[in-house]
PDB file of N, CA and C in Angstrom:
ATOM      1  N   MET A   1       0.818  -1.215  -0.206  1.00  0.00           N
ATOM      2  CA  MET A   1      -0.145   0.045  -0.019  1.00  0.00           C
ATOM      3  C   MET A   1       0.961   1.482  -0.141  1.00  0.00           C
ATOM      4  N   ILE A   2       2.109   1.120   0.869  1.00  0.00           N
ATOM      5  CA  ILE A   2       2.689   2.530   0.946  1.00  0.00           C
ATOM      6  C   ILE A   2       3.674   2.827  -0.283  1.00  0.00           C
ATOM      7  N   THR A   3       3.817   1.604  -0.750  1.00  0.00           N
ATOM      8  CA  THR A   3       5.181   1.495  -1.899  1.00  0.00           C
ATOM      9  C   THR A   3       4.330   1.964  -3.143  1.00  0.00           C
ATOM     10  N   THR A   4       2.775   2.198  -3.270  1.00  0.00           N
ATOM     11  CA  THR A   4       2.362   2.293  -4.215  1.00  0.00           C
ATOM     12  C   THR A   4       2.022   3.659  -4.392  1.00  0.00           C
ATOM     13  N   GLY A   5       2.208   4.103  -3.125  1.00  0.00           N
ATOM     14  CA  GLY A   5       1.727   5.922  -2.819  1.00  0.00           C
ATOM     15  C   GLY A   5       0.939   6.253  -2.289  1.00  0.00           C
ATOM     16  N   LEU A   6      -0.139   4.752  -1.794  1.00  0.00           N
ATOM     17  CA  LEU A   6      -1.109   5.123  -0.777  1.00  0.00           C
ATOM     18  C   LEU A   6      -0.659   5.386   0.582  1.00  0.00           C
ATOM     19  N   CYS A   7      -1.473   5.987   1.262  1.00  0.00           N
ATOM     20  CA  CYS A   7      -1.738   6.678   2.753  1.00  0.00           C
ATOM     21  C   CYS A   7      -2.495   5.845   3.455  1.00  0.00           C
ATOM     22  N   PRO A   8      -2.027   4.593   4.698  1.00  0.00           N
ATOM     23  CA  PRO A   8      -2.845   4.215   5.156  1.00  0.00           C
ATOM     24  C   PRO A   8      -3.866   4.832   6.171  1.00  0.00           C
ATOM     25  N   LYS A   9      -4.633   5.323   6.642  1.00  0.00           N
ATOM     26  CA  LYS A   9      -5.710   5.663   7.674  1.00  0.00           C
ATOM     27  C   LYS A   9      -4.680   5.401   9.139  1.00  0.00           C
ATOM     28  N   THR A  10      -4.602   6.463  10.176  1.00  0.00           N
ATOM     29  CA  THR A  10      -4.280   6.390  11.086  1.00  0.00           C
ATOM     30  C   THR A  10      -4.820   5.215  12.337  1.00  0.00           C
ATOM     31  N   PHE A  11      -5.796   4.727  12.191  1.00  0.00           N
ATOM     32  CA  PHE A  11      -6.296   3.672  12.938  1.00  0.00           C
ATOM     33  C   PHE A  11      -5.648   2.310  12.406  1.00  0.00           C
ATOM     34  N   ILE A  12      -5.839   2.213  11.207  1.00  0.00           N
ATOM     35  CA  ILE A  12      -5.271   0.883   9.957  1.00  0.00           C
ATOM     36  C   ILE A  12      -3.865   0.869  10.488  1.00  0.00           C
ATOM     37  N   LEU A  13      -3.007   1.846  10.525  1.00  0.00           N
ATOM     38  CA  LEU A  13      -1.974   1.935  10.434  1.00  0.00           C
ATOM     39  C   LEU A  13      -1.631   1.756  12.498  1.00  0.00           C
ATOM     40  N   ASP A  14      -2.014   1.407  13.396  1.00  0.00           N
ATOM     41  CA  ASP A  14      -2.071   1.392  14.728  1.00  0.00           C
ATOM     42  C   ASP A  14      -2.591   0.330  15.076  1.00  0.00           C
ATOM     43  N   SER A  15      -3.580  -0.329  13.839  1.00  0.00           N
ATOM     44  CA  SER A  15      -4.129  -1.803  14.430  1.00  0.00           C
ATOM     45  C   SER A  15      -2.808  -2.324  13.298  1.00  0.00           C
ATOM     46  N   VAL A  16      -2.340  -2.145  12.795  1.00  0.00           N
ATOM     47  CA  VAL A  16      -1.108  -3.072  12.032  1.00  0.00           C
ATOM     48  C   VAL A  16       0.086  -3.215  13.080  1.00  0.00           C
ATOM     49  N   VAL A  17       0.686  -2.032  13.620  1.00  0.00           N
ATOM     50  CA  VAL A  17       1.498  -1.862  14.368  1.00  0.00           C
ATOM     51  C   VAL A  17       1.424  -2.840  15.622  1.00  0.00           C
ATOM     52  N   ARG A  18      -0.150  -2.544  16.147  1.00  0.00           N
ATOM     53  CA  ARG A  18      -0.174  -3.584  17.276  1.00  0.00           C
ATOM     54  C   ARG A  18      -0.143  -4.931  17.427  1.00  0.00           C
ATOM     55  N   GLY A  19      -0.832  -5.384  15.774  1.00  0.00           N
ATOM     56  CA  GLY A  19      -0.604  -6.847  15.550  1.00  0.00           C
ATOM     57  C   GLY A  19       0.497  -7.360  15.851  1.00  0.00           C
ATOM     58  N   LEU A  20       1.492  -6.862  14.726  1.00  0.00           N
ATOM     59  CA  LEU A  20       2.744  -7.489  14.554  1.00  0.00           C
ATOM     60  C   LEU A  20       3.618  -7.345  15.805  1.00  0.00           C
ATOM     61  N   CYS A  21       3.623  -6.406  17.041  1.00  0.00           N
ATOM     62  CA  CYS A  21       3.694  -6.401  18.076  1.00  0.00           C
ATOM     63  C   CYS A  21       3.237  -7.684  18.854  1.00  0.00           C
ATOM     64  N   VAL A  22       1.919  -7.707  19.338  1.00  0.00           N
ATOM     65  CA  VAL A  22       1.373  -8.950  19.540  1.00  0.00           C
ATOM     66  C   VAL A  22       2.295  -9.765  19.669  1.00  0.00           C
ATOM     67  N   GLU A  23       2.334 -10.014  18.357  1.00  0.00           N
ATOM     68  CA  GLU A  23       2.841 -11.472  17.723  1.00  0.00           C
ATOM     69  C   GLU A  23       4.305 -11.695  17.717  1.00  0.00           C
ATOM     70  N   GLY A  24       4.697 -10.446  18.516  1.00  0.00           N
ATOM     71  CA  GLY A  24       6.716 -10.424  19.021  1.00  0.00           C
ATOM     72  C   GLY A  24       6.840  -9.814  17.291  1.00  0.00           C
ATOM     73  N   LYS A  25       6.550  -9.380  16.305  1.00  0.00           N
ATOM     74  CA  LYS A  25       7.093  -9.196  15.277  1.00  0.00           C
ATOM     75  C   LYS A  25       7.763  -7.814  15.291  1.00  0.00           C
ATOM     76  N   VAL A  26       8.020  -7.514  15.889  1.00  0.00           N
ATOM     77  CA  VAL A  26       8.738  -5.767  16.273  1.00  0.00           C
ATOM     78  C   VAL A  26       9.537  -5.375  15.220  1.00  0.00           C
ATOM     79  N   GLU A  27      10.299  -6.187  14.623  1.00  0.00           N
ATOM     80  CA  GLU A  27      10.971  -5.624  13.502  1.00  0.00           C
ATOM     81  C   GLU A  27      10.272  -5.322  12.172  1.00  0.00           C
ATOM     82  N   LYS A  28       9.192  -5.788  11.833  1.00  0.00           N
ATOM     83  CA  LYS A  28       8.277  -6.010  11.199  1.00  0.00           C
ATOM     84  C   LYS A  28       7.429  -4.900  11.184  1.00  0.00           C
ATOM     85  N   ALA A  29       7.023  -4.745  12.652  1.00  0.00           N
ATOM     86  CA  ALA A  29       5.936  -3.507  12.817  1.00  0.00           C
ATOM     87  C   ALA A  29       7.366  -1.977  12.487  1.00  0.00           C
ATOM     88  N   MET A  30       8.191  -2.600  12.962  1.00  0.00           N
ATOM     89  CA  MET A  30       9.403  -1.406  12.584  1.00  0.00           C
ATOM     90  C   MET A  30       9.570  -0.844  11.465  1.00  0.00           C
ATOM     91  N   LEU A  31       9.259  -1.580  10.575  1.00  0.00           N
ATOM     92  CA  LEU A  31       9.752  -1.849   9.175  1.00  0.00           C
ATOM     93  C   LEU A  31       8.522  -1.172   8.703  1.00  0.00           C
ATOM     94  N   VAL A  32       7.489  -1.223   9.143  1.00  0.00           N
ATOM     95  CA  VAL A  32       6.209  -0.645   8.718  1.00  0.00           C
ATOM     96  C   VAL A  32       5.863   1.021   9.241  1.00  0.00           C
ATOM     97  N   LEU A  33       6.437   1.264  10.125  1.00  0.00           N
ATOM     98  CA  LEU A  33       6.324   2.292  10.641  1.00  0.00           C
ATOM     99  C   LEU A  33       7.960   3.530   9.787  1.00  0.00           C
ATOM    100  N   VAL A  34       9.128   2.562   9.598  1.00  0.00           N
ATOM    101  CA  VAL A  34      10.186   3.508   8.562  1.00  0.00           C
ATOM    102  C   VAL A  34       9.097   3.525   6.926  1.00  0.00           C
ATOM    103  N   LEU A  35       9.003   3.042   6.841  1.00  0.00           N
ATOM    104  CA  LEU A  35       8.289   2.939   5.429  1.00  0.00           C
ATOM    105  C   LEU A  35       6.956   4.122   5.468  1.00  0.00           C
ATOM    106  N   VAL A  36       6.400   4.264   6.201  1.00  0.00           N
ATOM    107  CA  VAL A  36       5.477   5.225   6.231  1.00  0.00           C
ATOM    108  C   VAL A  36       6.276   6.696   6.620  1.00  0.00           C
ATOM    109  N   CYS A  37       7.179   6.504   7.471  1.00  0.00           N
ATOM    110  CA  CYS A  37       7.853   7.909   7.952  1.00  0.00           C
ATOM    111  C   CYS A  37       8.513   8.351   6.429  1.00  0.00           C
ATOM    112  N   ARG A  38       8.912   7.417   5.803  1.00  0.00           N
ATOM    113  CA  ARG A  38       9.821   7.691   4.550  1.00  0.00           C
ATOM    114  C   ARG A  38       9.012   8.315   3.493  1.00  0.00           C
ATOM    115  N   GLY A  39       7.610   7.689   3.360  1.00  0.00           N
ATOM    116  CA  GLY A  39       6.355   7.898   2.485  1.00  0.00           C
ATOM    117  C   GLY A  39       5.759   9.105   2.518  1.00  0.00           C
ATOM    118  N   ARG A  40       6.422   9.796   4.111  1.00  0.00           N
ATOM    119  CA  ARG A  40       5.590  11.250   4.328  1.00  0.00           C
ATOM    120  C   ARG A  40       4.104  11.163   4.384  1.00  0.00           C
ATOM    121  N   CYS A  41       3.374  10.230   4.757  1.00  0.00           N
ATOM    122  CA  CYS A  41       2.118  10.104   4.609  1.00  0.00           C
ATOM    123  C   CYS A  41       1.479  10.570   6.202  1.00  0.00           C
ATOM    124  N   GLY A  42       2.419  11.376   7.080  1.00  0.00           N
ATOM    125  CA  GLY A  42       1.549  12.065   8.128  1.00  0.00           C
ATOM    126  C   GLY A  42       0.367  11.617   8.616  1.00  0.00           C
ATOM    127  N   MET A  43       0.330   9.850   8.683  1.00  0.00           N
ATOM    128  CA  MET A  43      -0.233   9.636   9.108  1.00  0.00           C
ATOM    129  C   MET A  43       0.109   8.811  10.661  1.00  0.00           C
ATOM    130  N   ILE A  44       0.806   9.303  11.524  1.00  0.00           N
ATOM    131  CA  ILE A  44       1.612   8.638  12.241  1.00  0.00           C
ATOM    132  C   ILE A  44       1.351   9.453  13.447  1.00  0.00           C
ATOM    133  N   ASP A  45       0.681   8.707  14.540  1.00  0.00           N
ATOM    134  CA  ASP A  45       0.247   9.363  16.159  1.00  0.00           C
ATOM    135  C   ASP A  45       1.188   8.683  17.208  1.00  0.00           C
ATOM    136  N   GLY A  46       0.671   9.300  18.065  1.00  0.00           N
ATOM    137  CA  GLY A  46       1.489   9.030  19.319  1.00  0.00           C
ATOM    138  C   GLY A  46       1.159   7.719  19.642  1.00  0.00           C
ATOM    139  N   VAL A  47       0.080   6.953  19.397  1.00  0.00           N
ATOM    140  CA  VAL A  47      -0.274   5.338  19.402  1.00  0.00           C
ATOM    141  C   VAL A  47       0.282   4.907  18.952  1.00  0.00           C
ATOM    142  N   THR A  48       0.346   4.909  17.605  1.00  0.00           N
ATOM    143  CA  THR A  48       1.792   3.783  16.459  1.00  0.00           C
ATOM    144  C   THR A  48       2.881   4.120  17.106  1.00  0.00           C
ATOM    145  N   PHE A  49       3.546   4.959  18.036  1.00  0.00           N
ATOM    146  CA  PHE A  49       4.742   5.193  18.554  1.00  0.00           C
ATOM    147  C   PHE A  49       4.726   4.496  19.949  1.00  0.00           C
ATOM    148  N   ASP A  50       3.726   4.555  20.830  1.00  0.00           N
ATOM    149  CA  ASP A  50       3.467   3.710  21.790  1.00  0.00           C
ATOM    150  C   ASP A  50       3.581   2.592  22.207  1.00  0.00           C
ATOM    151  N   VAL A  51       2.742   1.795  21.004  1.00  0.00           N
ATOM    152  CA  VAL A  51       2.727   0.512  21.203  1.00  0.00           C
ATOM    153  C   VAL A  51       3.653   0.042  20.796  1.00  0.00           C
ATOM    154  N   LEU A  52       5.015   0.501  19.699  1.00  0.00           N
ATOM    155  CA  LEU A  52       5.928  -0.161  19.245  1.00  0.00           C
ATOM    156  C   LEU A  52       6.904   0.449  20.594  1.00  0.00           C
ATOM    157  N   ILE A  53       7.001   1.178  21.205  1.00  0.00           N
ATOM    158  CA  ILE A  53       8.027   1.515  22.195  1.00  0.00           C
ATOM    159  C   ILE A  53       7.784   0.461  23.390  1.00  0.00           C
ATOM    160  N   ASP A  54       6.651   0.550  23.630  1.00  0.00           N
ATOM    161  CA  ASP A  54       5.534  -0.638  24.732  1.00  0.00           C
ATOM    162  C   ASP A  54       6.242  -1.825  24.244  1.00  0.00           C
ATOM    163  N   GLU A  55       6.251  -2.323  23.552  1.00  0.00           N
ATOM    164  CA  GLU A  55       6.521  -3.446  23.006  1.00  0.00           C
ATOM    165  C   GLU A  55       8.297  -3.620  23.049  1.00  0.00           C
ATOM    166  N   MET A  56       8.888  -2.645  22.638  1.00  0.00           N
ATOM    167  CA  MET A  56      10.332  -2.729  22.476  1.00  0.00           C
ATOM    168  C   MET A  56      10.822  -2.909  24.161  1.00  0.00           C
ATOM    169  N   ASN A  57       9.997  -2.271  24.918  1.00  0.00           N
ATOM    170  CA  ASN A  57      10.887  -2.144  26.182  1.00  0.00           C
ATOM    171  C   ASN A  57      10.134  -3.403  27.216  1.00  0.00           C
ATOM    172  N   ARG A  58       8.885  -4.115  26.499  1.00  0.00           N
ATOM    173  CA  ARG A  58       8.588  -5.174  27.350  1.00  0.00           C
ATOM    174  C   ARG A  58       9.895  -6.461  26.773  1.00  0.00           C
ATOM    175  N   GLN A  59       9.976  -6.363  25.486  1.00  0.00           N
ATOM    176  CA  GLN A  59      11.304  -7.233  25.066  1.00  0.00           C
ATOM    177  C   GLN A  59      12.681  -7.066  25.633  1.00  0.00           C
ATOM    178  N   GLY A  60      13.099  -6.313  26.238  1.00  0.00           N
ATOM    179  CA  GLY A  60      14.278  -5.754  26.890  1.00  0.00           C
ATOM    180  C   GLY A  60      15.041  -4.888  26.072  1.00  0.00           C
ATOM    181  N   MET A  61      14.265  -4.167  24.673  1.00  0.00           N
ATOM    182  CA  MET A  61      15.325  -3.334  23.964  1.00  0.00           C
ATOM    183  C   MET A  61      15.175  -2.088  24.259  1.00  0.00           C
ATOM    184  N   ALA A  62      15.091  -1.653  25.305  1.00  0.00           N
ATOM    185  CA  ALA A  62      15.156  -0.176  25.790  1.00  0.00           C
ATOM    186  C   ALA A  62      15.920   0.542  25.157  1.00  0.00           C
ATOM    187  N   ARG A  63      17.243   0.315  24.276  1.00  0.00           N
ATOM    188  CA  ARG A  63      18.087   1.424  23.692  1.00  0.00           C
ATOM    189  C   ARG A  63      17.303   1.582  22.336  1.00  0.00           C
ATOM    190  N   HIS A  64      16.444   0.137  21.856  1.00  0.00           N
ATOM    191  CA  HIS A  64      16.213   0.656  20.663  1.00  0.00           C
ATOM    192  C   HIS A  64      14.640   1.669  20.562  1.00  0.00           C
ATOM    193  N   ALA A  65      14.317   1.115  21.963  1.00  0.00           N
ATOM    194  CA  ALA A  65      12.895   1.913  22.146  1.00  0.00           C
ATOM    195  C   ALA A  65      12.918   3.411  22.326  1.00  0.00           C
ATOM    196  N   THR A  66      14.251   3.776  22.714  1.00  0.00           N
ATOM    197  CA  THR A  66      14.591   5.211  23.165  1.00  0.00           C
ATOM    198  C   THR A  66      14.842   5.631  21.532  1.00  0.00           C
ATOM    199  N   CYS A  67      15.475   5.373  20.531  1.00  0.00           N
ATOM    200  CA  CYS A  67      15.774   5.661  19.229  1.00  0.00           C
ATOM    201  C   CYS A  67      14.110   5.986  18.787  1.00  0.00           C
ATOM    202  N   VAL A  68      13.534   5.014  19.121  1.00  0.00           N
ATOM    203  CA  VAL A  68      11.981   5.063  18.340  1.00  0.00           C
ATOM    204  C   VAL A  68      11.491   6.635  19.171  1.00  0.00           C
ATOM    205  N   HIS A  69      11.820   6.628  20.336  1.00  0.00           N
ATOM    206  CA  HIS A  69      10.970   7.491  21.258  1.00  0.00           C
ATOM    207  C   HIS A  69      11.742   8.825  20.253  1.00  0.00           C
ATOM    208  N   CYS A  70      12.754   8.987  20.113  1.00  0.00           N
ATOM    209  CA  CYS A  70      13.811  10.099  19.546  1.00  0.00           C
ATOM    210  C   CYS A  70      12.945  11.007  18.137  1.00  0.00           C
ATOM    211  N   VAL A  71      12.451   9.492  17.385  1.00  0.00           N
ATOM    212  CA  VAL A  71      12.125   9.573  16.061  1.00  0.00           C
ATOM    213  C   VAL A  71      10.960  10.252  16.011  1.00  0.00           C
ATOM    214  N   ALA A  72      10.196   9.925  17.110  1.00  0.00           N
ATOM    215  CA  ALA A  72       8.732  10.733  17.298  1.00  0.00           C
ATOM    216  C   ALA A  72       8.945  11.885  17.701  1.00  0.00           C
ATOM    217  N   LEU A  73       9.686  12.190  18.578  1.00  0.00           N
ATOM    218  CA  LEU A  73       9.743  13.553  18.890  1.00  0.00           C
ATOM    219  C   LEU A  73      10.240  13.917  17.840  1.00  0.00           C
ATOM    220  N   LYS A  74      11.065  13.869  16.800  1.00  0.00           N
ATOM    221  CA  LYS A  74      11.973  14.407  15.587  1.00  0.00           C
ATOM    222  C   LYS A  74      10.625  14.961  14.794  1.00  0.00           C
ATOM    223  N   ASN A  75       9.480  14.142  14.786  1.00  0.00           N
ATOM    224  CA  ASN A  75       8.571  13.974  13.983  1.00  0.00           C
ATOM    225  C   ASN A  75       7.199  14.849  14.552  1.00  0.00           C
ATOM    226  N   GLY A  76       7.482  15.211  15.432  1.00  0.00           N
ATOM    227  CA  GLY A  76       6.443  16.325  16.481  1.00  0.00           C
ATOM    228  C   GLY A  76       5.142  15.495  16.969  1.00  0.00           C
ATOM    229  N   VAL A  77       5.890  14.567  17.346  1.00  0.00           N
ATOM    230  CA  VAL A  77       4.664  13.129  18.023  1.00  0.00           C
ATOM    231  C   VAL A  77       5.178  13.336  19.056  1.00  0.00           C
ATOM    232  N   ILE A  78       3.881  13.456  20.368  1.00  0.00           N
ATOM    233  CA  ILE A  78       4.457  13.155  21.860  1.00  0.00           C
ATOM    234  C   ILE A  78       3.577  12.065  22.117  1.00  0.00           C
ATOM    235  N   THR A  79       4.573  11.097  22.772  1.00  0.00           N
ATOM    236  CA  THR A  79       4.346   9.652  23.224  1.00  0.00           C
ATOM    237  C   THR A  79       4.307   9.819  24.663  1.00  0.00           C
ATOM    238  N   LYS A  80       3.221   8.726  24.910  1.00  0.00           N
ATOM    239  CA  LYS A  80       2.867   8.459  26.427  1.00  0.00           C
ATOM    240  C   LYS A  80       4.392   7.930  27.103  1.00  0.00           C
ATOM    241  N   VAL A  81       4.518   6.631  26.382  1.00  0.00           N
ATOM    242  CA  VAL A  81       5.487   5.728  26.901  1.00  0.00           C
ATOM    243  C   VAL A  81       6.791   6.042  26.589  1.00  0.00           C
ATOM    244  N   VAL A  82       7.184   5.959  27.362  1.00  0.00           N
ATOM    245  CA  VAL A  82       8.937   6.337  27.500  1.00  0.00           C
ATOM    246  C   VAL A  82       9.756   5.310  27.627  1.00  0.00           C
TER     247      VAL A  82
END
């Protein structure tokens, strides 16, 4: 969808990232987030980042979670999870 130039709605993106994280596929969730950021879709909200950061922290990937938090801030998104 993203590679063809179509931007997903925010709730769809949140659901995809949440679903991948629930399955433990953080790397794939991160890839989706990167593709959306590069596509400049502007559909990323705090929930999307929160889900990914929370799952990274749960899996002991605190350093990666901090990097994701910084990317969120750089994109003007305020997260609830740090």
